[in-house]
C-alpha atoms as a PDB file:
ATOM      1  CA  MET A   1      81.475 -89.696 220.014  1.00  0.00           C
ATOM      2  CA  TYR A   2      83.487 -90.935 216.980  1.00  0.00           C
ATOM      3  CA  ARG A   3      82.393 -94.494 217.624  1.00  0.00           C
ATOM      4  CA  GLU A   4      78.702 -93.518 217.770  1.00  0.00           C
ATOM      5  CA  LEU A   5      78.917 -91.375 214.616  1.00  0.00           C
ATOM      6  CA  ARG A   6      80.706 -94.140 212.738  1.00  0.00           C
ATOM      7  CA  ALA A   7      78.107 -96.702 213.854  1.00  0.00           C
ATOM      8  CA  ALA A   8      75.317 -94.387 212.664  1.00  0.00           C
ATOM      9  CA  SER A   9      77.012 -94.024 209.285  1.00  0.00           C
ATOM     10  CA  LEU A  10      77.349 -97.804 208.973  1.00  0.00           C
ATOM     11  CA  ARG A  11      73.572 -98.186 209.198  1.00  0.00           C
ATOM     12  CA  GLU A  12      73.301 -96.744 205.683  1.00  0.00           C
ATOM     13  CA  PRO A  13      72.531 -99.458 203.096  1.00  0.00           C
ATOM     14  CA  TYR A  14      75.786 -99.146 201.127  1.00  0.00           C
ATOM     15  CA  ALA A  15      78.238 -98.217 203.866  1.00  0.00           C
ATOM     16  CA  SER A  16      81.645 -99.811 203.626  1.00  0.00           C
ATOM     17  CA  GLY A  17      83.574-101.222 206.534  1.00  0.00           C
ATOM     18  CA  GLU A  18      82.453-102.980 209.673  1.00  0.00           C
ATOM     19  CA  THR A  19      78.900-103.536 210.835  1.00  0.00           C
ATOM     20  CA  PRO A  20      77.406-100.968 213.239  1.00  0.00           C
ATOM     21  CA  GLU A  21      77.455-103.617 215.969  1.00  0.00           C
ATOM     22  CA  ALA A  22      81.170-104.279 215.447  1.00  0.00           C
ATOM     23  CA  GLU A  23      81.936-100.551 215.583  1.00  0.00           C
ATOM     24  CA  LEU A  24      80.002-100.139 218.830  1.00  0.00           C
ATOM     25  CA  ALA A  25      81.738-103.195 220.292  1.00  0.00           C
ATOM     26  CA  VAL A  26      85.131-101.471 220.046  1.00  0.00           C
ATOM     27  CA  ASP A  27      86.463-100.859 223.535  1.00  0.00           C
ATOM     28  CA  ALA A  28      86.081 -97.195 224.576  1.00  0.00           C
ATOM     29  CA  ALA A  29      89.821 -96.864 225.295  1.00  0.00           C
ATOM     30  CA  ARG A  30      90.665 -98.226 221.831  1.00  0.00           C
ATOM     31  CA  ALA A  31      88.148 -95.848 220.219  1.00  0.00           C
ATOM     32  CA  ALA A  32      89.713 -92.925 222.112  1.00  0.00           C
ATOM     33  CA  ALA A  33      93.189 -94.002 220.954  1.00  0.00           C
ATOM     34  CA  ILE A  34      92.011 -94.133 217.324  1.00  0.00           C
ATOM     35  CA  ALA A  35      90.453 -90.672 217.649  1.00  0.00           C
ATOM     36  CA  GLN A  36      93.679 -89.305 219.171  1.00  0.00           C
ATOM     37  CA  GLN A  37      95.794 -90.835 216.394  1.00  0.00           C
ATOM     38  CA  ARG A  38      93.541 -89.330 213.713  1.00  0.00           C
ATOM     39  CA  ALA A  39      93.642 -85.936 215.423  1.00  0.00           C
ATOM     40  CA  THR A  40      97.442 -85.731 215.175  1.00  0.00           C
ATOM     41  CA  SER A  41      98.332 -87.738 212.035  1.00  0.00           C
ATOM     42  CA  ASP A  42      99.503 -86.293 208.730  1.00  0.00           C
ATOM     43  CA  GLU A  43      98.403 -89.518 206.973  1.00  0.00           C
ATOM     44  CA  SER A  44      94.769 -89.909 208.077  1.00  0.00           C
ATOM     45  CA  THR A  45      92.200 -87.870 209.935  1.00  0.00           C
ATOM     46  CA  THR A  46      88.490 -87.507 210.587  1.00  0.00           C
ATOM     47  CA  PHE A  47      86.482 -84.292 210.541  1.00  0.00           C
ATOM     48  CA  VAL A  48      83.236 -83.993 212.496  1.00  0.00           C
ATOM     49  CA  LEU A  49      80.345 -81.713 211.549  1.00  0.00           C
ATOM     50  CA  TYR A  50      78.508 -80.042 214.416  1.00  0.00           C
ATOM     51  CA  THR A  51      75.116 -78.364 214.144  1.00  0.00           C
ATOM     52  CA  GLU A  52      73.719 -76.506 217.123  1.00  0.00           C
ATOM     53  CA  GLY A  53      76.442 -78.019 219.305  1.00  0.00           C
ATOM     54  CA  HIS A  54      75.698 -81.640 218.388  1.00  0.00           C
ATOM     55  CA  PRO A  55      77.740 -83.981 216.161  1.00  0.00           C
ATOM     56  CA  ALA A  56      75.794 -84.427 212.922  1.00  0.00           C
ATOM     57  CA  GLY A  57      78.259 -85.757 210.363  1.00  0.00           C
ATOM     58  CA  MET A  58      81.763 -86.904 209.594  1.00  0.00           C
ATOM     59  CA  ILE A  59      84.279 -87.575 206.839  1.00  0.00           C
ATOM     60  CA  GLY A  60      87.608 -89.371 206.763  1.00  0.00           C
ATOM     61  CA  ALA A  61      90.638 -88.180 204.785  1.00  0.00           C
ATOM     62  CA  TYR A  62      93.737 -90.288 204.274  1.00  0.00           C
ATOM     63  CA  PHE A  63      96.668 -91.216 202.080  1.00  0.00           C
ATOM     64  CA  ASP A  64      96.868 -94.870 201.088  1.00  0.00           C
ATOM     65  CA  SER A  65     100.007 -96.922 201.697  1.00  0.00           C
ATOM     66  CA  THR A  66     100.841 -97.535 198.024  1.00  0.00           C
ATOM     67  CA  PRO A  67     103.951 -96.016 196.420  1.00  0.00           C
ATOM     68  CA  ALA A  68     101.638 -93.555 194.610  1.00  0.00           C
ATOM     69  CA  ARG A  69     100.339 -92.343 198.020  1.00  0.00           C
ATOM     70  CA  ARG A  70      96.860 -91.655 196.653  1.00  0.00           C
ATOM     71  CA  ALA A  71      94.630 -89.312 198.674  1.00  0.00           C
ATOM     72  CA  PHE A  72      91.085 -90.374 199.597  1.00  0.00           C
ATOM     73  CA  VAL A  73      87.995 -89.022 201.266  1.00  0.00           C
ATOM     74  CA  SER A  74      85.917 -91.727 202.915  1.00  0.00           C
ATOM     75  CA  GLU A  75      83.159 -92.493 205.379  1.00  0.00           C
ATOM     76  CA  LEU A  76      81.210 -89.336 204.501  1.00  0.00           C
ATOM     77  CA  TRP A  77      77.985 -89.286 206.468  1.00  0.00           C
ATOM     78  CA  VAL A  78      75.581 -86.522 207.453  1.00  0.00           C
ATOM     79  CA  ALA A  79      72.524 -87.071 209.657  1.00  0.00           C
ATOM     80  CA  HIS A  80      69.312 -87.135 207.620  1.00  0.00           C
ATOM     81  CA  ALA A  81      67.793 -84.288 209.639  1.00  0.00           C
ATOM     82  CA  VAL A  82      70.510 -81.824 208.586  1.00  0.00           C
ATOM     83  CA  ARG A  83      71.420 -82.923 205.054  1.00  0.00           C
ATOM     84  CA  HIS A  84      69.670 -79.860 203.630  1.00  0.00           C
ATOM     85  CA  LEU A  85      72.186 -77.576 205.404  1.00  0.00           C
ATOM     86  CA  ARG A  86      75.059 -78.385 202.987  1.00  0.00           C
ATOM     87  CA  GLY A  87      77.131 -80.033 205.695  1.00  0.00           C
ATOM     88  CA  GLY A  88      78.329 -82.657 203.218  1.00  0.00           C
ATOM     89  CA  VAL A  89      79.807 -79.948 200.996  1.00  0.00           C
ATOM     90  CA  LEU A  90      81.525 -78.369 203.999  1.00  0.00           C
ATOM     91  CA  LEU A  91      82.960 -81.729 205.082  1.00  0.00           C
ATOM     92  CA  VAL A  92      84.260 -82.597 201.588  1.00  0.00           C
ATOM     93  CA  ASP A  93      85.787 -79.132 201.155  1.00  0.00           C
ATOM     94  CA  THR A  94      87.469 -79.369 204.567  1.00  0.00           C
ATOM     95  CA  ALA A  95      88.877 -82.833 203.831  1.00  0.00           C
ATOM     96  CA  ARG A  96      90.087 -81.747 200.382  1.00  0.00           C
ATOM     97  CA  GLY A  97      91.835 -78.739 201.904  1.00  0.00           C
ATOM     98  CA  TRP A  98      93.555 -80.931 204.504  1.00  0.00           C
ATOM     99  CA  LEU A  99      94.723 -83.393 201.824  1.00  0.00           C
ATOM    100  CA  ALA A 100      95.874 -80.623 199.451  1.00  0.00           C
ATOM    101  CA  ALA A 101      97.879 -78.988 202.251  1.00  0.00           C
ATOM    102  CA  ARG A 102      99.742 -82.297 202.559  1.00  0.00           C
ATOM    103  CA  GLY A 103     100.541 -82.549 198.859  1.00  0.00           C
ATOM    104  CA  ALA A 104      97.504 -84.210 197.291  1.00  0.00           C
ATOM    105  CA  VAL A 105      96.917 -83.291 193.660  1.00  0.00           C
ATOM    106  CA  LYS A 106      94.110 -85.760 192.918  1.00  0.00           C
ATOM    107  CA  ILE A 107      91.613 -86.868 195.543  1.00  0.00           C
ATOM    108  CA  TYR A 108      89.667 -90.117 195.251  1.00  0.00           C
ATOM    109  CA  ALA A 109      86.491 -91.571 196.743  1.00  0.00           C
ATOM    110  CA  TRP A 110      84.948 -95.047 196.501  1.00  0.00           C
ATOM    111  CA  ILE A 111      81.159 -94.842 196.033  1.00  0.00           C
ATOM    112  CA  ALA A 112      78.627 -97.695 196.015  1.00  0.00           C
ATOM    113  CA  ASP A 113      77.187 -98.105 192.514  1.00  0.00           C
ATOM    114  CA  GLN A 114      73.656 -98.448 193.920  1.00  0.00           C
ATOM    115  CA  ASN A 115      73.898 -95.234 195.956  1.00  0.00           C
ATOM    116  CA  ARG A 116      72.617 -92.818 193.316  1.00  0.00           C
ATOM    117  CA  SER A 117      72.284 -89.970 195.836  1.00  0.00           C
ATOM    118  CA  ALA A 118      75.959 -90.243 196.786  1.00  0.00           C
ATOM    119  CA  ILE A 119      77.015 -90.395 193.136  1.00  0.00           C
ATOM    120  CA  ARG A 120      75.017 -87.231 192.350  1.00  0.00           C
ATOM    121  CA  PHE A 121      76.446 -85.515 195.436  1.00  0.00           C
ATOM    122  CA  TYR A 122      80.068 -86.333 194.561  1.00  0.00           C
ATOM    123  CA  GLU A 123      79.538 -85.256 190.942  1.00  0.00           C
ATOM    124  CA  HIS A 124      78.054 -81.997 192.238  1.00  0.00           C
ATOM    125  CA  VAL A 125      81.189 -81.296 194.317  1.00  0.00           C
ATOM    126  CA  GLY A 126      83.554 -81.972 191.410  1.00  0.00           C
ATOM    127  CA  PHE A 127      84.263 -85.706 191.308  1.00  0.00           C
ATOM    128  CA  ALA A 128      84.081 -87.893 188.178  1.00  0.00           C
ATOM    129  CA  ASP A 129      83.945 -91.672 187.734  1.00  0.00           C
ATOM    130  CA  THR A 130      87.323 -93.199 186.787  1.00  0.00           C
ATOM    131  CA  GLY A 131      85.781 -96.432 185.488  1.00  0.00           C
ATOM    132  CA  GLU A 132      87.543 -98.531 188.145  1.00  0.00           C
ATOM    133  CA  ARG A 133      85.246-100.945 190.032  1.00  0.00           C
ATOM    134  CA  ALA A 134      85.619-103.204 193.075  1.00  0.00           C
ATOM    135  CA  PRO A 135      83.295-105.381 195.174  1.00  0.00           C
ATOM    136  CA  ILE A 136      81.858-104.111 198.464  1.00  0.00           C
ATOM    137  CA  ALA A 137      83.001-106.708 200.991  1.00  0.00           C
ATOM    138  CA  ARG A 138      80.058-106.544 203.392  1.00  0.00           C
ATOM    139  CA  VAL A 139      77.332-106.441 200.689  1.00  0.00           C
ATOM    140  CA  PRO A 140      77.541-109.611 198.553  1.00  0.00           C
ATOM    141  CA  GLY A 141      77.169-108.841 194.856  1.00  0.00           C
ATOM    142  CA  ALA A 142      77.374-105.062 195.311  1.00  0.00           C
ATOM    143  CA  MET A 143      80.050-103.026 193.574  1.00  0.00           C
ATOM    144  CA  LYS A 144      81.672 -99.662 194.188  1.00  0.00           C
ATOM    145  CA  SER A 145      83.218 -97.199 191.742  1.00  0.00           C
ATOM    146  CA  LEU A 146      86.307 -95.080 192.153  1.00  0.00           C
ATOM    147  CA  PHE A 147      85.744 -91.356 191.630  1.00  0.00           C
ATOM    148  CA  VAL A 148      88.426 -88.671 191.388  1.00  0.00           C
ATOM    149  CA  SER A 149      88.118 -84.957 191.959  1.00  0.00           C
ATOM    150  CA  ARG A 150      88.381 -82.968 188.759  1.00  0.00           C
ATOM    151  CA  GLU A 151      89.697 -80.009 190.705  1.00  0.00           C
ATOM    152  CA  HIS A 152      90.024 -79.310 194.414  1.00  0.00           C
ATOM    153  CA  ALA A 153      89.728 -76.136 196.397  1.00  0.00           C
END
């Protein structure tokens, strides 16, 4: 299920990471091992949104490996058919709570500069642009911006 959700999220124009084909090519046993690791780790996890018993969204939450141990939300995706149900807000709030419970004070998110909907969404849930930019590896010429939560729940 994780593998299929992640592949669906990678079909978005400004998704970061692997291609959908590469995600689906991951061996099922390896995908299950990744899901198990994320279910029990205090460093990284994935939350899945269900609507009417079906997986309809996901978000990652993790601490980076730098000495600062910055906290991030990533890979937020909600199926188009249920975006009006505020599942994205629920996922971000859940991820922020998980990170805060593990000591996060500031929470970051990389957002594609061209993805105006995502920028508006993250601003709506309390994130602000830090001014830091980086290229998006799989989209030549595209850039992403680092946002930080102004305050978390």
